[in-house]
Protein backbone atom coordinates (compact mmCIF):
# COMPACT_ATOMS: atom_id res chain seq x y z
CA UNK A 1 0.14 0.11 0.18
CA UNK A 2 0.92 3.07 -1.38
CA UNK A 3 1.41 6.00 1.25
CA UNK A 4 -0.09 9.66 0.44
CA UNK A 5 1.51 12.69 1.47
CA UNK A 6 -1.65 14.72 2.87
CA UNK A 7 -0.83 18.72 2.52
CA UNK A 8 -3.10 21.41 4.12
CA UNK A 9 -2.82 24.62 2.21
CA UNK A 10 -4.64 27.56 3.08
CA UNK A 11 -4.96 31.10 1.57
CA UNK A 12 -4.62 33.63 4.82
CA UNK A 13 -3.99 37.26 4.12
CA UNK A 14 -0.38 37.73 6.24
CA UNK A 15 0.13 41.41 8.02
CA UNK A 16 3.88 42.55 7.84
CA UNK A 17 6.15 45.34 7.20
CA UNK A 18 9.76 45.84 5.40
CA UNK A 19 12.85 47.70 6.30
CA UNK A 20 14.47 49.02 3.32
CA UNK A 21 18.42 47.94 4.60
CA UNK A 22 19.86 49.13 0.63
CA UNK A 23 19.39 50.23 -2.28
CA UNK A 24 18.67 46.74 -3.43
CA UNK A 25 17.72 44.47 -0.01
CA UNK A 26 15.10 44.72 1.92
CA UNK A 27 13.58 42.68 5.47
CA UNK A 28 10.22 41.63 5.32
CA UNK A 29 8.37 41.20 9.25
CA UNK A 30 5.04 39.10 9.72
CA UNK A 31 2.72 40.34 12.11
CA UNK A 32 2.30 37.25 14.67
CA UNK A 33 -1.01 37.31 16.67
CA UNK A 34 -0.88 36.25 20.08
CA UNK A 35 -2.27 33.28 21.64
CA UNK A 36 -2.11 30.11 23.20
CA UNK A 37 -0.46 26.62 22.13
CA UNK A 38 0.89 23.72 23.54
CA UNK A 39 4.93 23.75 23.52
CA UNK A 40 6.64 20.95 23.11
CA UNK A 41 6.18 17.25 21.40
CA UNK A 42 4.04 14.51 23.32
CA UNK A 43 4.96 11.20 24.69
CA UNK A 44 3.53 9.86 21.80
CA UNK A 45 5.46 11.76 19.08
CA UNK A 46 7.56 9.69 16.51
CA UNK A 47 11.04 10.27 17.24
CA UNK A 48 10.35 12.87 19.80
CA UNK A 49 13.26 13.21 23.01
CA UNK A 50 12.73 14.05 26.55
CA UNK A 51 14.03 17.51 26.28
CA UNK A 52 11.05 18.50 24.14
CA UNK A 53 9.00 17.54 27.64
CA UNK A 54 7.10 18.22 29.82
CA UNK A 55 4.60 20.09 27.28
CA UNK A 56 3.18 23.27 28.68
CA UNK A 57 0.75 25.79 27.74
CA UNK A 58 2.34 29.22 26.55
CA UNK A 59 0.82 32.15 25.97
CA UNK A 60 2.90 34.30 23.48
CA UNK A 61 1.96 37.91 23.17
CA UNK A 62 2.11 39.17 19.45
CA UNK A 63 5.21 40.13 18.17
CA UNK A 64 6.83 40.51 14.48
CA UNK A 65 9.34 37.51 13.11
CA UNK A 66 11.23 37.67 10.00
CA UNK A 67 9.05 36.05 6.84
CA UNK A 68 12.46 34.24 6.05
CA UNK A 69 15.65 33.19 7.79
CA UNK A 70 18.40 36.32 7.35
CA UNK A 71 19.82 36.26 4.26
CA UNK A 72 23.11 36.78 3.18
CA UNK A 73 22.53 40.03 0.88
CA UNK A 74 20.47 40.89 4.13
CA UNK A 75 23.62 40.17 6.83
CA UNK A 76 26.13 41.83 4.16
CA UNK A 77 24.25 44.84 3.71
CA UNK A 78 23.74 45.34 7.49
CA UNK A 79 27.41 43.96 8.65
CA UNK A 80 29.37 44.38 5.77
CA UNK A 81 30.95 40.88 5.20
CA UNK A 82 29.33 37.38 4.39
CA UNK A 83 30.71 34.46 6.38
CA UNK A 84 28.10 32.20 4.09
CA UNK A 85 30.18 28.40 3.00
CA UNK A 86 27.41 28.23 0.27
CA UNK A 87 28.18 32.27 -1.11
CA UNK A 88 29.46 31.72 -4.20
CA UNK A 89 26.59 30.30 -6.00
CA UNK A 90 24.70 32.49 -8.39
CA UNK A 91 21.37 32.69 -6.10
CA UNK A 92 23.64 33.38 -3.13
CA UNK A 93 22.23 36.28 -2.43
CA UNK A 94 18.91 34.65 -1.56
CA UNK A 95 19.95 31.90 0.34
CA UNK A 96 20.22 32.01 3.87
CA UNK A 97 23.65 33.23 5.87
CA UNK A 98 25.31 30.40 7.53
CA UNK A 99 28.42 30.01 9.10
CA UNK A 100 27.46 32.29 12.10
CA UNK A 101 27.48 31.90 15.71
CA UNK A 102 25.24 32.80 18.33
CA UNK A 103 27.11 35.63 18.93
CA UNK A 104 26.77 36.94 15.64
CA UNK A 105 23.34 36.90 15.29
CA UNK A 106 23.50 38.92 18.45
CA UNK A 107 25.89 41.05 16.86
CA UNK A 108 23.76 41.46 13.74
CA UNK A 109 20.84 42.12 15.86
CA UNK A 110 22.20 45.12 17.58
CA UNK A 111 23.72 46.68 14.33
CA UNK A 112 20.27 46.33 12.73
CA UNK A 113 18.52 48.00 15.73
CA UNK A 114 20.63 50.71 15.37
CA UNK A 115 20.11 50.74 11.83
CA UNK A 116 16.71 51.25 11.69
CA UNK A 117 15.72 52.78 15.17
CA UNK A 118 13.57 49.59 16.26
CA UNK A 119 14.30 46.63 19.02
CA UNK A 120 15.93 43.54 16.84
CA UNK A 121 16.41 40.12 18.62
CA UNK A 122 16.35 36.67 18.20
CA UNK A 123 13.30 35.03 19.41
CA UNK A 124 12.90 32.97 22.22
CA UNK A 125 12.10 29.28 21.71
CA UNK A 126 8.27 29.55 22.88
CA UNK A 127 8.07 32.65 20.17
CA UNK A 128 9.95 30.34 17.54
CA UNK A 129 7.95 27.13 17.92
CA UNK A 130 4.54 29.21 18.29
CA UNK A 131 5.53 31.39 15.04
CA UNK A 132 6.66 27.46 13.28
CA UNK A 133 3.42 25.03 14.30
CA UNK A 134 1.24 28.31 13.11
CA UNK A 135 -1.76 26.87 15.52
CA UNK A 136 -3.52 28.44 18.29
CA UNK A 137 -5.86 26.77 21.19
CA UNK A 138 -7.96 27.82 23.98
CA UNK A 139 -7.91 25.59 26.40
CA UNK A 140 -11.46 25.04 28.44
CA UNK A 141 -11.56 23.23 31.35
CA UNK A 142 -12.80 19.57 31.21
CA UNK A 143 -10.94 19.37 27.64
CA UNK A 144 -8.55 17.03 26.49
CA UNK A 145 -5.04 17.88 25.50
CA UNK A 146 -5.07 19.19 22.21
CA UNK A 147 -1.87 18.11 20.25
CA UNK A 148 0.02 20.12 16.86
CA UNK A 149 0.87 17.75 13.98
CA UNK A 150 4.68 17.07 14.15
CA UNK A 151 5.12 19.50 11.32
CA UNK A 152 3.01 22.62 10.10
CA UNK A 153 2.19 20.95 6.77
CA UNK A 154 0.83 17.88 8.75
CA UNK A 155 2.13 14.57 9.52
CA UNK A 156 4.98 13.93 7.91
CA UNK A 157 7.42 15.99 5.48
CA UNK A 158 8.56 16.05 2.01
CA UNK A 159 11.56 17.02 -0.03
CA UNK A 160 9.02 18.97 -2.00
CA UNK A 161 8.16 21.22 1.07
CA UNK A 162 11.54 21.15 2.51
CA UNK A 163 15.43 20.77 2.43
CA UNK A 164 16.53 18.17 4.21
CA UNK A 165 18.84 14.52 3.92
CA UNK A 166 16.11 13.00 1.64
CA UNK A 167 17.58 9.52 2.02
CA UNK A 168 15.38 9.26 5.17
CA UNK A 169 11.91 9.21 6.32
CA UNK A 170 9.78 10.40 8.90
CA UNK A 171 6.39 8.49 9.57
CA UNK A 172 4.26 7.74 6.32
CA UNK A 173 6.99 9.49 4.20
CA UNK A 174 8.72 8.78 1.29
CA UNK A 175 12.22 8.87 0.25
CA UNK A 176 13.81 11.92 -1.47
CA UNK A 177 16.08 14.31 -2.84
CA UNK A 178 19.57 15.45 -0.89
CA UNK A 179 20.38 18.40 -2.10
CA UNK A 180 23.64 18.64 0.19
CA UNK A 181 23.27 22.32 0.36
CA UNK A 182 21.18 25.12 1.68
CA UNK A 183 18.29 26.38 -1.04
CA UNK A 184 17.03 29.65 -1.66
CA UNK A 185 14.70 31.09 0.95
CA UNK A 186 11.23 30.31 0.06
CA UNK A 187 12.36 28.27 -2.11
CA UNK A 188 9.04 25.53 -1.88
CA UNK A 189 7.14 28.13 -1.89
CA UNK A 190 4.70 26.26 0.92
CA UNK A 191 4.33 29.62 3.65
CA UNK A 192 2.96 28.43 7.11
CA UNK A 193 -0.72 29.51 8.49
CA UNK A 194 1.04 32.96 9.51
CA UNK A 195 2.78 33.42 5.91
CA UNK A 196 6.13 32.03 7.36
CA UNK A 197 8.91 30.06 4.98
CA UNK A 198 11.70 27.96 5.71
CA UNK A 199 10.47 26.38 9.34
CA UNK A 200 11.40 23.11 8.30
CA UNK A 201 15.01 22.68 7.09
CA UNK A 202 17.55 24.32 5.51
CA UNK A 203 18.85 26.20 8.28
CA UNK A 204 19.24 25.84 11.91
CA UNK A 205 17.58 28.91 13.74
CA UNK A 206 19.62 30.78 16.92
CA UNK A 207 17.10 31.52 19.99
CA UNK A 208 17.53 34.05 22.57
CA UNK A 209 17.49 32.07 25.53
CA UNK A 210 19.64 29.64 27.78
CA UNK A 211 19.97 26.00 26.45
CA UNK A 212 17.83 24.30 29.64
CA UNK A 213 17.49 20.40 29.25
CA UNK A 214 14.16 19.97 29.30
CA UNK A 215 11.25 22.20 30.03
CA UNK A 216 10.70 21.92 33.84
CA UNK A 217 9.88 25.50 35.69
CA UNK A 218 9.95 26.95 31.74
CA UNK A 219 8.25 30.42 31.45
CA UNK A 220 4.85 29.61 30.20
CA UNK A 221 4.85 33.72 28.94
CA UNK A 222 6.66 33.62 25.89
CA UNK A 223 9.66 35.03 27.41
CA UNK A 224 13.04 33.87 26.39
CA UNK A 225 13.93 31.32 29.85
CA UNK A 226 17.71 33.23 30.61
CA UNK A 227 17.92 31.33 34.01
CA UNK A 228 20.42 33.92 36.54
CA UNK A 229 20.75 30.45 38.63
CA UNK A 230 21.59 27.92 35.87
CA UNK A 231 24.64 26.12 35.93
CA UNK A 232 27.38 28.45 33.89
CA UNK A 233 28.25 25.90 31.69
CA UNK A 234 24.17 26.09 30.47
CA UNK A 235 25.01 29.39 29.86
CA UNK A 236 27.61 29.05 26.90
CA UNK A 237 24.96 27.20 24.94
CA UNK A 238 21.88 28.20 23.08
CA UNK A 239 18.95 26.50 21.10
CA UNK A 240 18.91 26.03 17.87
CA UNK A 241 15.47 24.90 15.78
CA UNK A 242 14.02 24.09 12.82
CA UNK A 243 16.91 21.37 11.37
CA UNK A 244 18.61 22.00 8.23
CA UNK A 245 19.80 20.76 5.28
CA UNK A 246 22.17 17.95 6.24
CA UNK A 247 19.57 16.65 9.02
CA UNK A 248 17.36 13.54 8.99
CA UNK A 249 13.60 15.02 9.23
CA UNK A 250 12.90 14.07 12.64
CA UNK A 251 14.83 16.90 13.82
CA UNK A 252 12.86 18.83 11.18
CA UNK A 253 10.13 18.73 13.43
CA UNK A 254 8.38 21.44 15.11
CA UNK A 255 9.44 20.73 18.72
CA UNK A 256 12.71 19.55 17.94
CA UNK A 257 15.59 20.71 20.03
CA UNK A 258 19.49 21.10 19.46
CA UNK A 259 22.21 23.39 20.99
CA UNK A 260 25.61 24.25 20.36
CA UNK A 261 28.17 26.43 22.09
CA UNK A 262 27.73 30.42 21.89
CA UNK A 263 30.61 30.55 19.82
CA UNK A 264 29.88 27.59 17.16
CA UNK A 265 29.27 28.15 13.53
CA UNK A 266 28.32 25.95 10.86
CA UNK A 267 27.46 25.91 7.20
CA UNK A 268 23.85 24.37 8.64
CA UNK A 269 23.29 26.87 10.67
CA UNK A 270 21.73 30.75 10.80
CA UNK A 271 19.17 32.49 12.33
CA UNK A 272 15.97 34.67 11.95
CA UNK A 273 14.83 38.14 13.84
CA UNK A 274 11.87 38.84 15.96
CA UNK A 275 10.63 43.01 16.70
CA UNK A 276 7.57 44.57 18.56
CA UNK A 277 7.32 47.25 16.29
CA UNK A 278 5.38 49.82 18.51
CA UNK A 279 2.56 50.86 16.79
CA UNK A 280 1.92 47.84 14.53
CA UNK A 281 0.95 45.41 16.30
C-alpha cells in the first residue's frame, strides 16, 4: 500500500512591514498574533526526545518575525561581510546566511536595531515554536489535551516541501532528494498559516534562551528562558530550532531542539529575527 502525503494549504492574509537595508535589499517582517499553544512534543510523537517535554500551555504576546531566515544579502547589508560557506553560487544572495555563531547573530541584531531605530532580537524558543506551528489553542475546563502535528503542514514531511536529507523518511513519508546544500529562502513556495517560510529544514535557527535540558519550570509567557541560577556551562550553550539541509527529517519537527556553544559556527546554522514594532502589532 502506497502512503499518501496530505498537505494542508490555506490562503490567509499575512500582515507585515518591510525595512529597507540598502537600495536593493529589504527585510520583510510578518505579524504574529497573540495566542496560546501547547509547546513541546507529546510522549507518542515519533522520534521525540525527553528534552522536548514536559509539554506546557504557553501564552505568547503579539510580535513580528522575519518572513524568512536572514539571507546572505541582508547579513552583508548590515554587517558588511558574508561568512557563508555557500556564498559562491549564482543565487547565493537569496540563500540563508550560515556559518554564524550565536554571538554573530546577537551582533547583527544590535547593528540592525541601530540602523533602523527599532528593537530587533532573536526569538525565544517559545516564540519560535509558536510561529512555526502557526496554530492556536484555547484550552477549556474538562477539555482533553490537543496536540499539534509534528510539522506545520501535517503529520509528515517531503523534500518537495523542505530542504533536509531525503535519504530518510518520517512517519508515512517517502524518500526524496538530498540536495547537500542550502536553498534560496522561500524556494518551495509553501508558507505556514502565519505566512512564514523555511521553518522546517534549510538552516538551524538560533534562539535567545540559555539552553535547558527540558521544560521543567519553563516560562509560560513566551519570554526567553534566561536563568540566573543555571549552571555556567548552560549559559555558554543556546538552542537551535528547525533542522537543516544536512539533517534527518526527525530533526525538522516543530518541537525538535538542539544546542551548540555560544561561538560555534556551521554551514547549516543561521537565524531569523523578531521585533515588536510599536504601533504596528
